[in-house]
Amino acid sequence: MLNDTLANALSLVVNAEKIGKDFCIIKPTSKIIEKVLEIMNNRGYVGKFEKSPSVGGEELKLFLIGKVNVCGAIKPRSSLKYEDIEKFEKRFLPAKDFGFLLISTPHGIITNEEAKKKKIGGVMLAYCY
């Protein structure tokens, strides 16, 4: 049984990137996984994804473009204040302005740069670079 579907999806993406696949199939899916992949697509780390029905639910076919070095879920999902964003950037990202953190806020799932602009905190979900 899968406990953290976001962590499983992100590790599947990293493993498929490492072995040079053109796409990967993510199952099970959730709205959080879709939003995370949409942000990664907008930032140029992965390609488009397609939803399709399958036995036992839906699956996502994610096209890979070879840009992901590392991405993963942050466990435990700790909450952070606006003032603490930079501290978490130093902890999870290798360099300044390289990669991004995903934060679940009252305004939806956004990156660390957007959270700084809006001056809001939230719950840490994932990182990618």
N, C-alpha and C. Protein backbone atom coordinates (compact mmCIF):
# COMPACT_ATOMS: atom_id res chain seq x y z
N MET A 1 0.85 -1.18 0.00
CA MET A 1 0.00 0.00 0.00
C MET A 1 0.89 1.23 0.00
N LEU A 2 0.52 2.21 -0.79
CA LEU A 2 1.29 3.44 -0.91
C LEU A 2 0.82 4.46 0.12
N ASN A 3 1.74 5.00 0.88
CA ASN A 3 1.35 5.96 1.90
C ASN A 3 1.44 7.40 1.41
N ASP A 4 2.47 7.74 0.67
CA ASP A 4 2.64 9.11 0.19
C ASP A 4 2.72 9.09 -1.33
N THR A 5 1.61 9.38 -1.97
CA THR A 5 1.56 9.29 -3.43
C THR A 5 2.43 10.35 -4.09
N LEU A 6 2.57 11.53 -3.48
CA LEU A 6 3.42 12.58 -4.06
C LEU A 6 4.87 12.14 -4.06
N ALA A 7 5.34 11.57 -2.96
CA ALA A 7 6.73 11.09 -2.88
C ALA A 7 6.97 9.98 -3.89
N ASN A 8 6.02 9.08 -4.04
CA ASN A 8 6.16 7.99 -5.01
C ASN A 8 6.21 8.53 -6.44
N ALA A 9 5.37 9.52 -6.75
CA ALA A 9 5.35 10.09 -8.10
C ALA A 9 6.66 10.80 -8.41
N LEU A 10 7.18 11.58 -7.46
CA LEU A 10 8.43 12.31 -7.70
C LEU A 10 9.62 11.37 -7.81
N SER A 11 9.64 10.31 -7.02
CA SER A 11 10.75 9.36 -7.14
C SER A 11 10.66 8.59 -8.46
N LEU A 12 9.45 8.34 -8.95
CA LEU A 12 9.27 7.71 -10.25
C LEU A 12 9.81 8.62 -11.36
N VAL A 13 9.56 9.92 -11.25
CA VAL A 13 10.07 10.87 -12.24
C VAL A 13 11.60 10.89 -12.24
N VAL A 14 12.21 10.95 -11.07
CA VAL A 14 13.67 10.99 -10.97
C VAL A 14 14.28 9.70 -11.52
N ASN A 15 13.72 8.56 -11.16
CA ASN A 15 14.25 7.28 -11.65
C ASN A 15 14.12 7.15 -13.16
N ALA A 16 12.99 7.59 -13.71
CA ALA A 16 12.81 7.52 -15.16
C ALA A 16 13.77 8.47 -15.87
N GLU A 17 14.04 9.64 -15.28
CA GLU A 17 15.00 10.58 -15.86
C GLU A 17 16.41 9.99 -15.86
N LYS A 18 16.77 9.31 -14.77
CA LYS A 18 18.12 8.76 -14.65
C LYS A 18 18.41 7.69 -15.68
N ILE A 19 17.41 6.88 -16.01
CA ILE A 19 17.66 5.82 -16.98
C ILE A 19 17.35 6.26 -18.41
N GLY A 20 16.92 7.51 -18.59
CA GLY A 20 16.75 8.07 -19.92
C GLY A 20 15.45 7.75 -20.62
N LYS A 21 14.40 7.51 -19.88
CA LYS A 21 13.11 7.24 -20.51
C LYS A 21 12.52 8.52 -21.10
N ASP A 22 11.65 8.35 -22.09
CA ASP A 22 10.97 9.49 -22.71
C ASP A 22 9.70 9.88 -21.97
N PHE A 23 9.12 8.94 -21.26
CA PHE A 23 7.90 9.20 -20.51
C PHE A 23 7.83 8.25 -19.33
N CYS A 24 6.94 8.55 -18.39
CA CYS A 24 6.67 7.63 -17.29
C CYS A 24 5.17 7.66 -16.99
N ILE A 25 4.67 6.57 -16.46
CA ILE A 25 3.27 6.44 -16.10
C ILE A 25 3.15 6.57 -14.59
N ILE A 26 2.36 7.54 -14.14
CA ILE A 26 2.18 7.78 -12.71
C ILE A 26 0.78 7.32 -12.32
N LYS A 27 0.76 6.39 -11.37
CA LYS A 27 -0.50 5.87 -10.87
C LYS A 27 -0.30 5.44 -9.44
N PRO A 28 -1.07 5.80 -8.49
CA PRO A 28 -2.30 6.58 -8.51
C PRO A 28 -2.00 8.08 -8.64
N THR A 29 -3.02 8.84 -8.96
CA THR A 29 -2.87 10.28 -9.13
C THR A 29 -3.71 11.02 -8.10
N SER A 30 -3.45 12.31 -8.00
CA SER A 30 -4.24 13.19 -7.14
C SER A 30 -4.15 14.60 -7.70
N LYS A 31 -4.96 15.48 -7.17
CA LYS A 31 -4.93 16.87 -7.61
C LYS A 31 -3.61 17.53 -7.23
N ILE A 32 -3.04 17.12 -6.10
CA ILE A 32 -1.76 17.68 -5.67
C ILE A 32 -0.66 17.28 -6.65
N ILE A 33 -0.63 16.02 -7.06
CA ILE A 33 0.37 15.56 -8.02
C ILE A 33 0.22 16.31 -9.34
N GLU A 34 -1.02 16.49 -9.79
CA GLU A 34 -1.24 17.22 -11.03
C GLU A 34 -0.75 18.66 -10.94
N LYS A 35 -1.02 19.32 -9.84
CA LYS A 35 -0.58 20.71 -9.67
C LYS A 35 0.94 20.80 -9.60
N VAL A 36 1.58 19.87 -8.90
CA VAL A 36 3.04 19.85 -8.81
C VAL A 36 3.64 19.64 -10.20
N LEU A 37 3.11 18.71 -10.97
CA LEU A 37 3.62 18.47 -12.32
C LEU A 37 3.35 19.65 -13.24
N GLU A 38 2.23 20.34 -13.03
CA GLU A 38 1.92 21.53 -13.83
C GLU A 38 2.95 22.64 -13.55
N ILE A 39 3.31 22.82 -12.29
CA ILE A 39 4.31 23.83 -11.95
C ILE A 39 5.68 23.43 -12.51
N MET A 40 6.02 22.15 -12.41
CA MET A 40 7.29 21.69 -12.97
C MET A 40 7.32 21.86 -14.49
N ASN A 41 6.18 21.68 -15.14
CA ASN A 41 6.08 21.90 -16.58
C ASN A 41 6.26 23.38 -16.91
N ASN A 42 5.61 24.25 -16.15
CA ASN A 42 5.73 25.69 -16.39
C ASN A 42 7.16 26.18 -16.18
N ARG A 43 7.88 25.57 -15.27
CA ARG A 43 9.26 25.98 -14.99
C ARG A 43 10.26 25.31 -15.94
N GLY A 44 9.80 24.40 -16.80
CA GLY A 44 10.66 23.80 -17.82
C GLY A 44 11.42 22.57 -17.37
N TYR A 45 10.96 21.88 -16.33
CA TYR A 45 11.65 20.69 -15.85
C TYR A 45 11.11 19.41 -16.47
N VAL A 46 9.83 19.36 -16.76
CA VAL A 46 9.22 18.19 -17.40
C VAL A 46 8.34 18.67 -18.55
N GLY A 47 7.93 17.71 -19.39
CA GLY A 47 7.05 18.03 -20.50
C GLY A 47 5.59 17.99 -20.06
N LYS A 48 4.73 17.92 -21.03
CA LYS A 48 3.29 17.86 -20.77
C LYS A 48 2.92 16.49 -20.20
N PHE A 49 1.71 16.44 -19.62
CA PHE A 49 1.20 15.15 -19.15
C PHE A 49 -0.23 14.98 -19.62
N GLU A 50 -0.62 13.72 -19.78
CA GLU A 50 -1.96 13.37 -20.24
C GLU A 50 -2.63 12.48 -19.21
N LYS A 51 -3.90 12.77 -18.92
CA LYS A 51 -4.69 11.92 -18.03
C LYS A 51 -5.43 10.90 -18.87
N SER A 52 -5.47 9.69 -18.37
CA SER A 52 -6.25 8.67 -19.05
C SER A 52 -6.83 7.71 -18.01
N PRO A 53 -8.02 7.19 -18.28
CA PRO A 53 -8.60 6.23 -17.34
C PRO A 53 -7.89 4.89 -17.43
N SER A 54 -7.82 4.22 -16.30
CA SER A 54 -7.23 2.89 -16.27
C SER A 54 -7.98 2.05 -15.23
N VAL A 55 -7.59 0.82 -15.11
CA VAL A 55 -8.23 -0.06 -14.14
C VAL A 55 -7.92 0.45 -12.74
N GLY A 56 -8.94 0.72 -11.96
CA GLY A 56 -8.75 1.16 -10.59
C GLY A 56 -8.52 2.65 -10.44
N GLY A 57 -8.81 3.44 -11.44
CA GLY A 57 -8.64 4.88 -11.33
C GLY A 57 -8.02 5.48 -12.57
N GLU A 58 -7.42 6.65 -12.40
CA GLU A 58 -6.78 7.32 -13.52
C GLU A 58 -5.27 7.19 -13.42
N GLU A 59 -4.61 7.42 -14.57
CA GLU A 59 -3.16 7.44 -14.59
C GLU A 59 -2.70 8.64 -15.41
N LEU A 60 -1.50 9.10 -15.12
CA LEU A 60 -0.90 10.21 -15.85
C LEU A 60 0.26 9.70 -16.67
N LYS A 61 0.31 10.09 -17.93
CA LYS A 61 1.47 9.80 -18.77
C LYS A 61 2.26 11.10 -18.86
N LEU A 62 3.41 11.13 -18.21
CA LEU A 62 4.24 12.33 -18.14
C LEU A 62 5.40 12.20 -19.11
N PHE A 63 5.54 13.18 -19.99
CA PHE A 63 6.65 13.19 -20.94
C PHE A 63 7.84 13.89 -20.31
N LEU A 64 9.01 13.28 -20.41
CA LEU A 64 10.22 13.78 -19.76
C LEU A 64 11.12 14.44 -20.79
N ILE A 65 11.83 15.49 -20.36
CA ILE A 65 12.72 16.20 -21.27
C ILE A 65 14.16 16.21 -20.79
N GLY A 66 14.45 15.51 -19.70
CA GLY A 66 15.83 15.36 -19.24
C GLY A 66 16.38 16.53 -18.45
N LYS A 67 15.52 17.33 -17.82
CA LYS A 67 15.98 18.51 -17.08
C LYS A 67 15.99 18.32 -15.57
N VAL A 68 15.37 17.28 -15.05
CA VAL A 68 15.28 17.08 -13.60
C VAL A 68 16.58 16.47 -13.09
N ASN A 69 17.25 17.15 -12.17
CA ASN A 69 18.40 16.58 -11.48
C ASN A 69 17.94 15.79 -10.27
N VAL A 70 17.25 16.48 -9.38
CA VAL A 70 16.72 15.86 -8.17
C VAL A 70 15.38 16.52 -7.86
N CYS A 71 14.42 15.73 -7.46
CA CYS A 71 13.18 16.27 -6.90
C CYS A 71 12.66 15.26 -5.91
N GLY A 72 11.94 15.75 -4.93
CA GLY A 72 11.43 14.85 -3.91
C GLY A 72 10.45 15.54 -3.00
N ALA A 73 9.73 14.75 -2.26
CA ALA A 73 8.79 15.26 -1.29
C ALA A 73 9.53 15.58 0.01
N ILE A 74 9.05 16.57 0.71
CA ILE A 74 9.65 16.95 1.99
C ILE A 74 8.83 16.28 3.09
N LYS A 75 9.52 15.45 3.87
CA LYS A 75 8.88 14.75 4.97
C LYS A 75 9.64 15.02 6.25
N PRO A 76 9.04 15.27 7.34
CA PRO A 76 7.61 15.50 7.51
C PRO A 76 7.21 16.83 6.90
N ARG A 77 5.96 16.95 6.53
CA ARG A 77 5.48 18.18 5.91
C ARG A 77 5.34 19.25 6.99
N SER A 78 6.41 19.99 7.16
CA SER A 78 6.43 20.99 8.22
C SER A 78 5.90 22.32 7.71
N SER A 79 5.25 23.04 8.60
CA SER A 79 4.75 24.35 8.24
C SER A 79 5.87 25.37 8.40
N LEU A 80 5.75 26.45 7.65
CA LEU A 80 6.76 27.49 7.74
C LEU A 80 6.11 28.85 7.62
N LYS A 81 6.74 29.82 8.24
CA LYS A 81 6.30 31.20 8.15
C LYS A 81 7.03 31.86 6.99
N TYR A 82 6.54 33.02 6.62
CA TYR A 82 7.16 33.78 5.53
C TYR A 82 8.64 34.03 5.83
N GLU A 83 8.97 34.31 7.07
CA GLU A 83 10.34 34.62 7.46
C GLU A 83 11.27 33.42 7.35
N ASP A 84 10.73 32.22 7.38
CA ASP A 84 11.55 31.01 7.36
C ASP A 84 11.80 30.44 5.97
N ILE A 85 11.26 31.05 4.94
CA ILE A 85 11.40 30.50 3.58
C ILE A 85 12.87 30.41 3.18
N GLU A 86 13.63 31.44 3.48
CA GLU A 86 15.05 31.43 3.08
C GLU A 86 15.83 30.33 3.79
N LYS A 87 15.49 30.06 5.04
CA LYS A 87 16.16 28.99 5.78
C LYS A 87 15.93 27.64 5.11
N PHE A 88 14.69 27.39 4.65
CA PHE A 88 14.38 26.13 3.97
C PHE A 88 15.00 26.09 2.58
N GLU A 89 15.14 27.24 1.92
CA GLU A 89 15.82 27.27 0.63
C GLU A 89 17.27 26.82 0.79
N LYS A 90 17.93 27.29 1.83
CA LYS A 90 19.32 26.90 2.08
C LYS A 90 19.42 25.42 2.41
N ARG A 91 18.41 24.86 3.04
CA ARG A 91 18.43 23.46 3.44
C ARG A 91 18.19 22.51 2.27
N PHE A 92 17.26 22.84 1.38
CA PHE A 92 16.85 21.90 0.34
C PHE A 92 17.39 22.20 -1.05
N LEU A 93 17.80 23.42 -1.33
CA LEU A 93 18.28 23.77 -2.67
C LEU A 93 19.79 23.95 -2.67
N PRO A 94 20.48 23.55 -3.73
CA PRO A 94 21.94 23.58 -3.74
C PRO A 94 22.55 24.98 -3.85
N ALA A 95 21.84 25.93 -4.46
CA ALA A 95 22.39 27.28 -4.64
C ALA A 95 21.24 28.28 -4.72
N LYS A 96 21.58 29.53 -4.55
CA LYS A 96 20.58 30.58 -4.61
C LYS A 96 20.06 30.69 -6.05
N ASP A 97 18.75 30.85 -6.19
CA ASP A 97 18.08 30.97 -7.48
C ASP A 97 18.29 29.75 -8.38
N PHE A 98 18.47 28.58 -7.78
CA PHE A 98 18.63 27.34 -8.54
C PHE A 98 17.60 26.36 -7.99
N GLY A 99 16.59 26.02 -8.79
CA GLY A 99 15.53 25.14 -8.34
C GLY A 99 14.45 25.91 -7.61
N PHE A 100 13.50 25.17 -7.06
CA PHE A 100 12.40 25.80 -6.36
C PHE A 100 11.82 24.85 -5.32
N LEU A 101 11.13 25.44 -4.34
CA LEU A 101 10.37 24.70 -3.34
C LEU A 101 8.90 24.86 -3.66
N LEU A 102 8.10 23.87 -3.34
CA LEU A 102 6.66 23.95 -3.51
C LEU A 102 6.02 24.02 -2.13
N ILE A 103 5.18 25.02 -1.97
CA ILE A 103 4.56 25.29 -0.68
C ILE A 103 3.05 25.31 -0.85
N SER A 104 2.34 24.59 0.00
CA SER A 104 0.89 24.60 -0.01
C SER A 104 0.42 25.74 0.90
N THR A 105 -0.25 26.71 0.32
CA THR A 105 -0.70 27.90 1.05
C THR A 105 -2.21 28.02 0.94
N PRO A 106 -2.79 28.99 1.65
CA PRO A 106 -4.23 29.25 1.45
C PRO A 106 -4.56 29.71 0.03
N HIS A 107 -3.55 30.16 -0.71
CA HIS A 107 -3.75 30.60 -2.10
C HIS A 107 -3.45 29.48 -3.10
N GLY A 108 -3.30 28.25 -2.65
CA GLY A 108 -3.00 27.12 -3.51
C GLY A 108 -1.54 26.72 -3.39
N ILE A 109 -1.13 25.80 -4.23
CA ILE A 109 0.26 25.34 -4.24
C ILE A 109 1.07 26.31 -5.10
N ILE A 110 2.07 26.92 -4.50
CA ILE A 110 2.89 27.92 -5.19
C ILE A 110 4.37 27.65 -4.91
N THR A 111 5.24 28.32 -5.66
CA THR A 111 6.68 28.18 -5.46
C THR A 111 7.14 29.13 -4.36
N ASN A 112 8.39 28.94 -3.95
CA ASN A 112 8.94 29.78 -2.89
C ASN A 112 9.05 31.24 -3.33
N GLU A 113 9.32 31.49 -4.61
CA GLU A 113 9.42 32.87 -5.08
C GLU A 113 8.07 33.59 -4.99
N GLU A 114 7.00 32.90 -5.38
CA GLU A 114 5.67 33.49 -5.30
C GLU A 114 5.27 33.73 -3.85
N ALA A 115 5.64 32.81 -2.95
CA ALA A 115 5.31 32.97 -1.54
C ALA A 115 6.05 34.18 -0.96
N LYS A 116 7.28 34.41 -1.40
CA LYS A 116 8.02 35.58 -0.93
C LYS A 116 7.35 36.87 -1.41
N LYS A 117 6.92 36.88 -2.67
CA LYS A 117 6.26 38.07 -3.22
C LYS A 117 4.96 38.37 -2.49
N LYS A 118 4.19 37.30 -2.20
CA LYS A 118 2.90 37.48 -1.53
C LYS A 118 3.05 37.59 -0.02
N LYS A 119 4.26 37.31 0.49
CA LYS A 119 4.57 37.36 1.93
C LYS A 119 3.64 36.46 2.73
N ILE A 120 3.54 35.18 2.29
CA ILE A 120 2.73 34.21 3.01
C ILE A 120 3.54 32.94 3.25
N GLY A 121 3.13 32.19 4.24
CA GLY A 121 3.75 30.92 4.57
C GLY A 121 2.80 29.79 4.23
N GLY A 122 3.15 28.60 4.65
CA GLY A 122 2.30 27.45 4.37
C GLY A 122 2.97 26.17 4.83
N VAL A 123 2.71 25.11 4.12
CA VAL A 123 3.25 23.79 4.44
C VAL A 123 4.16 23.35 3.31
N MET A 124 5.36 22.91 3.65
CA MET A 124 6.33 22.47 2.65
C MET A 124 5.86 21.15 2.03
N LEU A 125 5.88 21.10 0.69
CA LEU A 125 5.47 19.88 -0.01
C LEU A 125 6.64 19.18 -0.68
N ALA A 126 7.38 19.92 -1.54
CA ALA A 126 8.41 19.27 -2.36
C ALA A 126 9.45 20.27 -2.78
N TYR A 127 10.52 19.75 -3.37
CA TYR A 127 11.60 20.58 -3.94
C TYR A 127 11.98 19.98 -5.28
N CYS A 128 12.58 20.81 -6.14
CA CYS A 128 13.01 20.33 -7.44
C CYS A 128 14.12 21.22 -7.94
N TYR A 129 15.16 20.61 -8.49
CA TYR A 129 16.23 21.35 -9.17
C TYR A 129 16.88 20.47 -10.19
